[in-house]
Structures are given as structure tokens and as C-alpha cells.
PDB file of N, CA and C in Angstrom:
ATOM      1  N   UNK A   1       4.422 -43.334  53.846  1.00  0.00           N
ATOM      2  CA  UNK A   1       5.620 -44.134  53.803  1.00  0.00           C
ATOM      3  C   UNK A   1       5.511 -45.231  54.851  1.00  0.00           C
ATOM      4  N   UNK A   2       5.803 -46.448  54.433  1.00  0.00           N
ATOM      5  CA  UNK A   2       5.716 -47.578  55.348  1.00  0.00           C
ATOM      6  C   UNK A   2       6.850 -48.542  55.043  1.00  0.00           C
ATOM      7  N   UNK A   3       7.509 -49.001  56.059  1.00  0.00           N
ATOM      8  CA  UNK A   3       8.561 -49.992  55.903  1.00  0.00           C
ATOM      9  C   UNK A   3       8.019 -51.306  56.433  1.00  0.00           C
ATOM     10  N   UNK A   4       8.135 -52.349  55.611  1.00  0.00           N
ATOM     11  CA  UNK A   4       7.604 -53.646  56.010  1.00  0.00           C
ATOM     12  C   UNK A   4       8.732 -54.648  56.156  1.00  0.00           C
ATOM     13  N   UNK A   5       8.575 -55.532  57.075  1.00  0.00           N
ATOM     14  CA  UNK A   5       9.538 -56.602  57.288  1.00  0.00           C
ATOM     15  C   UNK A   5       9.291 -57.720  56.287  1.00  0.00           C
ATOM     16  N   UNK A   6      10.341 -58.324  55.807  1.00  0.00           N
ATOM     17  CA  UNK A   6      10.241 -59.473  54.912  1.00  0.00           C
ATOM     18  C   UNK A   6      10.762 -60.710  55.609  1.00  0.00           C
ATOM     19  N   UNK A   7      10.399 -60.887  56.852  1.00  0.00           N
ATOM     20  CA  UNK A   7      10.955 -61.977  57.649  1.00  0.00           C
ATOM     21  C   UNK A   7      10.149 -63.263  57.581  1.00  0.00           C
ATOM     22  N   UNK A   8       9.043 -63.279  56.869  1.00  0.00           N
ATOM     23  CA  UNK A   8       8.207 -64.474  56.892  1.00  0.00           C
ATOM     24  C   UNK A   8       8.004 -65.032  55.489  1.00  0.00           C
ATOM     25  N   UNK A   9       8.007 -66.360  55.382  1.00  0.00           N
ATOM     26  CA  UNK A   9       7.557 -67.023  54.172  1.00  0.00           C
ATOM     27  C   UNK A   9       6.123 -67.451  54.438  1.00  0.00           C
ATOM     28  N   UNK A  10       5.374 -67.750  53.432  1.00  0.00           N
ATOM     29  CA  UNK A  10       3.980 -68.051  53.684  1.00  0.00           C
ATOM     30  C   UNK A  10       3.402 -68.934  52.594  1.00  0.00           C
ATOM     31  N   UNK A  11       2.375 -69.669  52.942  1.00  0.00           N
ATOM     32  CA  UNK A  11       1.619 -70.408  51.944  1.00  0.00           C
ATOM     33  C   UNK A  11       0.859 -69.399  51.091  1.00  0.00           C
ATOM     34  N   UNK A  12       0.730 -69.717  49.805  1.00  0.00           N
ATOM     35  CA  UNK A  12       0.028 -68.814  48.892  1.00  0.00           C
ATOM     36  C   UNK A  12      -1.405 -68.546  49.345  1.00  0.00           C
ATOM     37  N   UNK A  13      -2.068 -69.565  49.887  1.00  0.00           N
ATOM     38  CA  UNK A  13      -3.478 -69.402  50.248  1.00  0.00           C
ATOM     39  C   UNK A  13      -3.685 -68.497  51.463  1.00  0.00           C
ATOM     40  N   UNK A  14      -2.619 -68.054  52.106  1.00  0.00           N
ATOM     41  CA  UNK A  14      -2.744 -67.121  53.224  1.00  0.00           C
ATOM     42  C   UNK A  14      -2.499 -65.673  52.801  1.00  0.00           C
ATOM     43  N   UNK A  15      -2.330 -65.443  51.493  1.00  0.00           N
ATOM     44  CA  UNK A  15      -2.001 -64.097  50.999  1.00  0.00           C
ATOM     45  C   UNK A  15      -3.193 -63.396  50.366  1.00  0.00           C
ATOM     46  N   UNK A  16      -4.391 -63.885  50.620  1.00  0.00           N
ATOM     47  CA  UNK A  16      -5.606 -63.254  50.104  1.00  0.00           C
ATOM     48  C   UNK A  16      -5.665 -63.291  48.574  1.00  0.00           C
ATOM     49  N   UNK A  17      -5.196 -64.391  47.991  1.00  0.00           N
ATOM     50  CA  UNK A  17      -5.236 -64.573  46.546  1.00  0.00           C
ATOM     51  C   UNK A  17      -6.442 -65.427  46.176  1.00  0.00           C
ATOM     52  N   UNK A  18      -6.878 -65.321  44.927  1.00  0.00           N
ATOM     53  CA  UNK A  18      -7.969 -66.167  44.461  1.00  0.00           C
ATOM     54  C   UNK A  18      -7.513 -67.628  44.455  1.00  0.00           C
ATOM     55  N   UNK A  19      -8.467 -68.523  44.559  1.00  0.00           N
ATOM     56  CA  UNK A  19      -8.156 -69.955  44.546  1.00  0.00           C
ATOM     57  C   UNK A  19      -7.503 -70.341  43.226  1.00  0.00           C
ATOM     58  N   UNK A  20      -7.949 -69.758  42.138  1.00  0.00           N
ATOM     59  CA  UNK A  20      -7.373 -70.051  40.820  1.00  0.00           C
ATOM     60  C   UNK A  20      -5.896 -69.656  40.794  1.00  0.00           C
ATOM     61  N   UNK A  21      -5.546 -68.501  41.363  1.00  0.00           N
ATOM     62  CA  UNK A  21      -4.150 -68.061  41.395  1.00  0.00           C
ATOM     63  C   UNK A  21      -3.318 -69.014  42.247  1.00  0.00           C
ATOM     64  N   UNK A  22      -3.837 -69.398  43.399  1.00  0.00           N
ATOM     65  CA  UNK A  22      -3.124 -70.327  44.285  1.00  0.00           C
ATOM     66  C   UNK A  22      -2.867 -71.646  43.554  1.00  0.00           C
ATOM     67  N   UNK A  23      -3.882 -72.171  42.898  1.00  0.00           N
ATOM     68  CA  UNK A  23      -3.737 -73.430  42.165  1.00  0.00           C
ATOM     69  C   UNK A  23      -2.720 -73.301  41.038  1.00  0.00           C
ATOM     70  N   UNK A  24      -2.745 -72.178  40.342  1.00  0.00           N
ATOM     71  CA  UNK A  24      -1.800 -71.954  39.243  1.00  0.00           C
ATOM     72  C   UNK A  24      -0.370 -71.898  39.758  1.00  0.00           C
ATOM     73  N   UNK A  25      -0.141 -71.158  40.819  1.00  0.00           N
ATOM     74  CA  UNK A  25       1.198 -71.049  41.386  1.00  0.00           C
ATOM     75  C   UNK A  25       1.707 -72.405  41.855  1.00  0.00           C
ATOM     76  N   UNK A  26       0.844 -73.161  42.506  1.00  0.00           N
ATOM     77  CA  UNK A  26       1.240 -74.482  42.988  1.00  0.00           C
ATOM     78  C   UNK A  26       1.502 -75.439  41.829  1.00  0.00           C
ATOM     79  N   UNK A  27       0.721 -75.331  40.753  1.00  0.00           N
ATOM     80  CA  UNK A  27       0.936 -76.201  39.592  1.00  0.00           C
ATOM     81  C   UNK A  27       2.254 -75.882  38.893  1.00  0.00           C
ATOM     82  N   UNK A  28       2.759 -74.677  39.086  1.00  0.00           N
ATOM     83  CA  UNK A  28       4.061 -74.288  38.526  1.00  0.00           C
ATOM     84  C   UNK A  28       5.217 -74.708  39.432  1.00  0.00           C
ATOM     85  N   UNK A  29       4.884 -75.362  40.539  1.00  0.00           N
ATOM     86  CA  UNK A  29       5.908 -75.834  41.461  1.00  0.00           C
ATOM     87  C   UNK A  29       6.329 -74.804  42.493  1.00  0.00           C
ATOM     88  N   UNK A  30       5.587 -73.725  42.599  1.00  0.00           N
ATOM     89  CA  UNK A  30       5.883 -72.687  43.585  1.00  0.00           C
ATOM     90  C   UNK A  30       5.078 -72.991  44.845  1.00  0.00           C
ATOM     91  N   UNK A  31       5.677 -73.719  45.754  1.00  0.00           N
ATOM     92  CA  UNK A  31       4.975 -74.204  46.939  1.00  0.00           C
ATOM     93  C   UNK A  31       4.670 -73.106  47.954  1.00  0.00           C
ATOM     94  N   UNK A  32       5.622 -72.226  48.198  1.00  0.00           N
ATOM     95  CA  UNK A  32       5.441 -71.158  49.183  1.00  0.00           C
ATOM     96  C   UNK A  32       5.926 -69.844  48.603  1.00  0.00           C
ATOM     97  N   UNK A  33       5.372 -68.762  49.109  1.00  0.00           N
ATOM     98  CA  UNK A  33       5.807 -67.424  48.700  1.00  0.00           C
ATOM     99  C   UNK A  33       7.165 -67.125  49.318  1.00  0.00           C
ATOM    100  N   UNK A  34       8.011 -66.463  48.542  1.00  0.00           N
ATOM    101  CA  UNK A  34       9.251 -65.943  49.106  1.00  0.00           C
ATOM    102  C   UNK A  34       8.908 -64.843  50.098  1.00  0.00           C
ATOM    103  N   UNK A  35       9.855 -64.503  50.939  1.00  0.00           N
ATOM    104  CA  UNK A  35       9.626 -63.497  51.979  1.00  0.00           C
ATOM    105  C   UNK A  35       9.104 -62.186  51.417  1.00  0.00           C
ATOM    106  N   UNK A  36       9.715 -61.689  50.368  1.00  0.00           N
ATOM    107  CA  UNK A  36       9.291 -60.406  49.808  1.00  0.00           C
ATOM    108  C   UNK A  36       7.854 -60.513  49.277  1.00  0.00           C
ATOM    109  N   UNK A  37       7.495 -61.626  48.700  1.00  0.00           N
ATOM    110  CA  UNK A  37       6.141 -61.813  48.186  1.00  0.00           C
ATOM    111  C   UNK A  37       5.118 -61.852  49.312  1.00  0.00           C
ATOM    112  N   UNK A  38       5.457 -62.526  50.402  1.00  0.00           N
ATOM    113  CA  UNK A  38       4.542 -62.622  51.546  1.00  0.00           C
ATOM    114  C   UNK A  38       4.286 -61.257  52.170  1.00  0.00           C
ATOM    115  N   UNK A  39       5.217 -60.345  52.027  1.00  0.00           N
ATOM    116  CA  UNK A  39       5.039 -58.999  52.578  1.00  0.00           C
ATOM    117  C   UNK A  39       4.381 -58.049  51.593  1.00  0.00           C
ATOM    118  N   UNK A  40       4.775 -58.122  50.329  1.00  0.00           N
ATOM    119  CA  UNK A  40       4.346 -57.130  49.345  1.00  0.00           C
ATOM    120  C   UNK A  40       2.962 -57.417  48.763  1.00  0.00           C
ATOM    121  N   UNK A  41       2.655 -58.677  48.470  1.00  0.00           N
ATOM    122  CA  UNK A  41       1.383 -58.990  47.807  1.00  0.00           C
ATOM    123  C   UNK A  41       0.178 -58.521  48.623  1.00  0.00           C
ATOM    124  N   UNK A  42       0.061 -58.849  49.904  1.00  0.00           N
ATOM    125  CA  UNK A  42      -1.101 -58.349  50.656  1.00  0.00           C
ATOM    126  C   UNK A  42      -1.144 -56.816  50.714  1.00  0.00           C
ATOM    127  N   UNK A  43       0.017 -56.198  50.785  1.00  0.00           N
ATOM    128  CA  UNK A  43       0.084 -54.732  50.823  1.00  0.00           C
ATOM    129  C   UNK A  43      -0.480 -54.129  49.533  1.00  0.00           C
ATOM    130  N   UNK A  44      -0.066 -54.670  48.386  1.00  0.00           N
ATOM    131  CA  UNK A  44      -0.537 -54.147  47.099  1.00  0.00           C
ATOM    132  C   UNK A  44      -2.030 -54.416  46.918  1.00  0.00           C
ATOM    133  N   UNK A  45      -2.495 -55.580  47.361  1.00  0.00           N
ATOM    134  CA  UNK A  45      -3.907 -55.922  47.175  1.00  0.00           C
ATOM    135  C   UNK A  45      -4.842 -55.170  48.123  1.00  0.00           C
ATOM    136  N   UNK A  46      -4.290 -54.534  49.142  1.00  0.00           N
ATOM    137  CA  UNK A  46      -5.093 -53.746  50.065  1.00  0.00           C
ATOM    138  C   UNK A  46      -5.662 -52.548  49.315  1.00  0.00           C
ATOM    139  N   UNK A  47      -6.978 -52.439  49.239  1.00  0.00           N
ATOM    140  CA  UNK A  47      -7.622 -51.390  48.439  1.00  0.00           C
ATOM    141  C   UNK A  47      -7.230 -49.980  48.877  1.00  0.00           C
ATOM    142  N   UNK A  48      -6.799 -49.828  50.113  1.00  0.00           N
ATOM    143  CA  UNK A  48      -6.375 -48.515  50.603  1.00  0.00           C
ATOM    144  C   UNK A  48      -5.198 -47.976  49.786  1.00  0.00           C
ATOM    145  N   UNK A  49      -4.358 -48.884  49.265  1.00  0.00           N
ATOM    146  CA  UNK A  49      -3.168 -48.487  48.531  1.00  0.00           C
ATOM    147  C   UNK A  49      -3.300 -48.704  47.032  1.00  0.00           C
ATOM    148  N   UNK A  50      -4.446 -49.165  46.571  1.00  0.00           N
ATOM    149  CA  UNK A  50      -4.632 -49.451  45.149  1.00  0.00           C
ATOM    150  C   UNK A  50      -4.346 -48.211  44.311  1.00  0.00           C
ATOM    151  N   UNK A  51      -3.553 -48.408  43.288  1.00  0.00           N
ATOM    152  CA  UNK A  51      -3.220 -47.312  42.388  1.00  0.00           C
ATOM    153  C   UNK A  51      -2.059 -46.469  42.865  1.00  0.00           C
ATOM    154  N   UNK A  52      -1.529 -46.766  44.031  1.00  0.00           N
ATOM    155  CA  UNK A  52      -0.403 -46.003  44.548  1.00  0.00           C
ATOM    156  C   UNK A  52       0.920 -46.616  44.138  1.00  0.00           C
ATOM    157  N   UNK A  53       1.977 -45.972  44.530  1.00  0.00           N
ATOM    158  CA  UNK A  53       3.318 -46.452  44.223  1.00  0.00           C
ATOM    159  C   UNK A  53       3.823 -47.368  45.332  1.00  0.00           C
ATOM    160  N   UNK A  54       4.600 -48.347  44.944  1.00  0.00           N
ATOM    161  CA  UNK A  54       5.222 -49.252  45.898  1.00  0.00           C
ATOM    162  C   UNK A  54       6.685 -49.380  45.504  1.00  0.00           C
ATOM    163  N   UNK A  55       7.562 -49.146  46.433  1.00  0.00           N
ATOM    164  CA  UNK A  55       8.992 -49.288  46.219  1.00  0.00           C
ATOM    165  C   UNK A  55       9.492 -50.427  47.094  1.00  0.00           C
ATOM    166  N   UNK A  56      10.150 -51.382  46.474  1.00  0.00           N
ATOM    167  CA  UNK A  56      10.646 -52.547  47.201  1.00  0.00           C
ATOM    168  C   UNK A  56      12.137 -52.684  46.939  1.00  0.00           C
ATOM    169  N   UNK A  57      12.885 -52.842  47.991  1.00  0.00           N
ATOM    170  CA  UNK A  57      14.315 -53.094  47.862  1.00  0.00           C
ATOM    171  C   UNK A  57      14.593 -54.480  48.435  1.00  0.00           C
ATOM    172  N   UNK A  58      15.078 -55.350  47.570  1.00  0.00           N
ATOM    173  CA  UNK A  58      15.354 -56.723  47.967  1.00  0.00           C
ATOM    174  C   UNK A  58      16.408 -57.282  47.022  1.00  0.00           C
ATOM    175  N   UNK A  59      17.107 -58.282  47.456  1.00  0.00           N
ATOM    176  CA  UNK A  59      18.195 -58.862  46.664  1.00  0.00           C
ATOM    177  C   UNK A  59      17.690 -59.455  45.349  1.00  0.00           C
ATOM    178  N   UNK A  60      18.588 -59.508  44.378  1.00  0.00           N
ATOM    179  CA  UNK A  60      18.302 -60.173  43.116  1.00  0.00           C
ATOM    180  C   UNK A  60      17.961 -61.633  43.394  1.00  0.00           C
ATOM    181  N   UNK A  61      16.900 -62.105  42.747  1.00  0.00           N
ATOM    182  CA  UNK A  61      16.480 -63.490  42.933  1.00  0.00           C
ATOM    183  C   UNK A  61      15.590 -63.728  44.134  1.00  0.00           C
ATOM    184  N   UNK A  62      15.149 -62.646  44.770  1.00  0.00           N
ATOM    185  CA  UNK A  62      14.336 -62.789  45.984  1.00  0.00           C
ATOM    186  C   UNK A  62      12.839 -62.883  45.708  1.00  0.00           C
ATOM    187  N   UNK A  63      12.422 -62.728  44.454  1.00  0.00           N
ATOM    188  CA  UNK A  63      11.011 -62.876  44.118  1.00  0.00           C
ATOM    189  C   UNK A  63      10.254 -61.584  43.879  1.00  0.00           C
ATOM    190  N   UNK A  64      10.958 -60.488  43.636  1.00  0.00           N
ATOM    191  CA  UNK A  64      10.297 -59.193  43.448  1.00  0.00           C
ATOM    192  C   UNK A  64       9.366 -59.167  42.239  1.00  0.00           C
ATOM    193  N   UNK A  65       9.787 -59.767  41.143  1.00  0.00           N
ATOM    194  CA  UNK A  65       8.966 -59.713  39.924  1.00  0.00           C
ATOM    195  C   UNK A  65       7.581 -60.301  40.168  1.00  0.00           C
ATOM    196  N   UNK A  66       7.511 -61.482  40.760  1.00  0.00           N
ATOM    197  CA  UNK A  66       6.200 -62.069  41.060  1.00  0.00           C
ATOM    198  C   UNK A  66       5.467 -61.289  42.139  1.00  0.00           C
ATOM    199  N   UNK A  67       6.204 -60.633  43.025  1.00  0.00           N
ATOM    200  CA  UNK A  67       5.557 -59.825  44.061  1.00  0.00           C
ATOM    201  C   UNK A  67       4.741 -58.697  43.445  1.00  0.00           C
ATOM    202  N   UNK A  68       5.159 -58.216  42.282  1.00  0.00           N
ATOM    203  CA  UNK A  68       4.406 -57.177  41.578  1.00  0.00           C
ATOM    204  C   UNK A  68       3.440 -57.763  40.546  1.00  0.00           C
ATOM    205  N   UNK A  69       3.852 -58.831  39.852  1.00  0.00           N
ATOM    206  CA  UNK A  69       3.026 -59.392  38.783  1.00  0.00           C
ATOM    207  C   UNK A  69       1.775 -60.082  39.294  1.00  0.00           C
ATOM    208  N   UNK A  70       1.873 -60.815  40.382  1.00  0.00           N
ATOM    209  CA  UNK A  70       0.705 -61.531  40.914  1.00  0.00           C
ATOM    210  C   UNK A  70      -0.438 -60.580  41.259  1.00  0.00           C
ATOM    211  N   UNK A  71      -0.199 -59.483  41.974  1.00  0.00           N
ATOM    212  CA  UNK A  71      -1.312 -58.558  42.257  1.00  0.00           C
ATOM    213  C   UNK A  71      -1.893 -57.917  40.998  1.00  0.00           C
ATOM    214  N   UNK A  72      -1.049 -57.668  39.985  1.00  0.00           N
ATOM    215  CA  UNK A  72      -1.570 -57.105  38.736  1.00  0.00           C
ATOM    216  C   UNK A  72      -2.567 -58.063  38.113  1.00  0.00           C
ATOM    217  N   UNK A  73      -2.205 -59.339  38.033  1.00  0.00           N
ATOM    218  CA  UNK A  73      -3.112 -60.338  37.449  1.00  0.00           C
ATOM    219  C   UNK A  73      -4.367 -60.471  38.304  1.00  0.00           C
ATOM    220  N   UNK A  74      -4.213 -60.469  39.609  1.00  0.00           N
ATOM    221  CA  UNK A  74      -5.371 -60.580  40.499  1.00  0.00           C
ATOM    222  C   UNK A  74      -6.334 -59.403  40.316  1.00  0.00           C
ATOM    223  N   UNK A  75      -5.804 -58.211  40.175  1.00  0.00           N
ATOM    224  CA  UNK A  75      -6.650 -57.018  40.016  1.00  0.00           C
ATOM    225  C   UNK A  75      -7.335 -57.017  38.654  1.00  0.00           C
ATOM    226  N   UNK A  76      -6.672 -57.511  37.620  1.00  0.00           N
ATOM    227  CA  UNK A  76      -7.230 -57.506  36.265  1.00  0.00           C
ATOM    228  C   UNK A  76      -8.192 -58.659  35.999  1.00  0.00           C
ATOM    229  N   UNK A  77      -8.216 -59.662  36.865  1.00  0.00           N
ATOM    230  CA  UNK A  77      -9.072 -60.827  36.594  1.00  0.00           C
ATOM    231  C   UNK A  77     -10.524 -60.510  36.691  1.00  0.00           C
TER     232      UNK A  77
END
């Protein structure tokens, strides 16, 4: 069990994403990751936790869907 802070926003290229993913997100007009994404994406992509469960509690509209979808696409690429 780990509780993570969602206090930081971040550039996509600092989240350990592929260059193609960063370019795609930026081309969609998503300049920076929301706080929840900046915390959750690196956590999910960490191989130590691969295949495990992740529970995130955050307000509606805070970016949770992409926080889960981006790592799925990255892992499947």
C-alpha cells in the first residue's frame, strides 16, 4: 500500500513516456500532465508494480482516465 501526493503538474516528457506518446499528447493540445497523471503514470509504468492493482481517488475531471489509459497504450506498444 502506498499513498502518493498529486501536488505536481509535469511536462509529458518527464514521465518516462515514449517520444511518440509525448508527441501524440502534445498534438492533441495536452501541453502538461494533470497532477494525478504526473503521479500515477510513472507509478504504473514502474515494472515493480506491473500487473498489480492501482486505486486512485481524485475529483471528477482531474485526468484519471488518461492516467490509466496512457500506461496501457505504452505497455502494449
